[in-house]
Amino acid sequence: MKVLAEVTESGLESLLGQRVTLFCVNYIYTGMLYGVNTSFVQLREACIVYETGPLLDGNWKDAQKLPNDWFVQLSAVESFGILK
C-alpha cells in the first residue's frame, strides 16, 4: 500500500488513548480506546449508538452510556475511526 507518510503503528493501536467509533456488524460503539489485543478492544467511557443522526454534527442522536469498560470483539468490527 502506498502512503503519504511513514506510519510506525497502524490500525487500532495507533488510536490508543483517543475517542474512537467502531462500526460493527450489528451496532456502533464509541469510547476512549484503552486496550487492544488479538481478539478484543477495550473501551472506557463507552456508549452504544442506536441512532447516529448526521455524522458530521458531532452529537449522536441516540447514544446510551454503558455502565463500565466495554469489550468489543474484533471479528465484529467492520470499520473504525475518529468522528468527534
Protein backbone atom coordinates (compact mmCIF):
# COMPACT_ATOMS: atom_id res chain seq x y z
CA MET A 1 0.00 0.00 0.00
CA LYS A 2 1.31 3.46 -0.84
CA VAL A 3 1.03 6.13 1.82
CA LEU A 4 1.85 9.82 2.04
CA ALA A 5 3.79 9.47 5.28
CA GLU A 6 5.57 6.65 7.04
CA VAL A 7 3.40 5.15 9.77
CA THR A 8 5.11 3.39 12.66
CA GLU A 9 1.90 1.98 14.12
CA SER A 10 -1.16 1.04 12.15
CA GLY A 11 -4.70 0.04 12.82
CA LEU A 12 -6.40 0.45 16.15
CA GLU A 13 -3.10 0.52 18.05
CA SER A 14 -2.33 3.91 16.52
CA LEU A 15 -5.53 5.30 18.07
CA LEU A 16 -4.89 4.24 21.69
CA GLY A 17 -5.91 6.96 24.11
CA GLN A 18 -8.29 8.62 21.66
CA ARG A 19 -12.09 8.57 21.37
CA VAL A 20 -12.88 6.12 18.58
CA THR A 21 -16.02 4.90 16.87
CA LEU A 22 -16.37 1.24 15.90
CA PHE A 23 -18.90 0.33 13.23
CA CYS A 24 -19.69 -3.32 13.93
CA VAL A 25 -21.88 -5.99 12.38
CA ASN A 26 -24.98 -5.01 14.41
CA TYR A 27 -24.15 -1.92 16.47
CA ILE A 28 -21.94 1.15 16.68
CA TYR A 29 -19.75 1.64 19.76
CA THR A 30 -17.83 4.72 20.75
CA GLY A 31 -15.47 5.44 23.62
CA MET A 32 -11.88 6.02 24.70
CA LEU A 33 -9.71 3.26 23.23
CA TYR A 34 -7.92 1.84 26.25
CA GLY A 35 -6.65 -1.55 25.07
CA VAL A 36 -6.24 -3.74 22.00
CA ASN A 37 -5.27 -7.40 21.70
CA THR A 38 -5.71 -10.03 19.01
CA SER A 39 -9.36 -10.71 19.97
CA PHE A 40 -10.89 -7.64 21.60
CA VAL A 41 -10.68 -3.90 22.05
CA GLN A 42 -11.38 -2.28 25.41
CA LEU A 43 -13.32 0.99 25.54
CA ARG A 44 -13.61 3.32 28.53
CA GLU A 45 -16.48 5.82 28.89
CA ALA A 46 -18.19 3.68 26.26
CA CYS A 47 -21.56 4.20 24.58
CA ILE A 48 -23.64 2.11 22.26
CA VAL A 49 -25.10 4.20 19.45
CA TYR A 50 -28.64 3.31 18.39
CA GLU A 51 -29.15 6.28 16.06
CA THR A 52 -26.39 8.46 14.67
CA GLY A 53 -28.08 11.48 13.13
CA PRO A 54 -25.76 13.36 10.72
CA LEU A 55 -22.24 12.03 11.35
CA LEU A 56 -20.54 15.40 10.96
CA ASP A 57 -22.77 17.17 13.52
CA GLY A 58 -20.61 15.98 16.42
CA ASN A 59 -23.51 14.67 18.52
CA TRP A 60 -25.20 11.30 18.42
CA LYS A 61 -28.97 11.33 18.10
CA ASP A 62 -29.29 8.34 20.48
CA ALA A 63 -26.20 7.06 22.31
CA GLN A 64 -26.58 5.15 25.56
CA LYS A 65 -23.75 5.10 28.11
CA LEU A 66 -22.57 1.66 29.08
CA PRO A 67 -22.06 1.05 32.81
CA ASN A 68 -18.37 0.06 32.79
CA ASP A 69 -15.44 -0.52 30.47
CA TRP A 70 -16.72 -2.33 27.40
CA PHE A 71 -15.05 -5.03 25.31
CA VAL A 72 -15.82 -5.39 21.61
CA GLN A 73 -14.80 -8.47 19.65
CA LEU A 74 -12.52 -7.53 16.74
CA SER A 75 -14.18 -10.05 14.43
CA ALA A 76 -17.37 -7.94 14.64
CA VAL A 77 -15.66 -4.65 13.71
CA GLU A 78 -16.26 -3.62 10.11
CA SER A 79 -14.62 -0.18 10.26
CA PHE A 80 -13.30 2.29 12.80
CA GLY A 81 -12.04 5.81 13.15
CA ILE A 82 -12.34 9.13 14.93
CA LEU A 83 -15.57 11.06 14.30
CA LYS A 84 -15.59 13.65 17.07
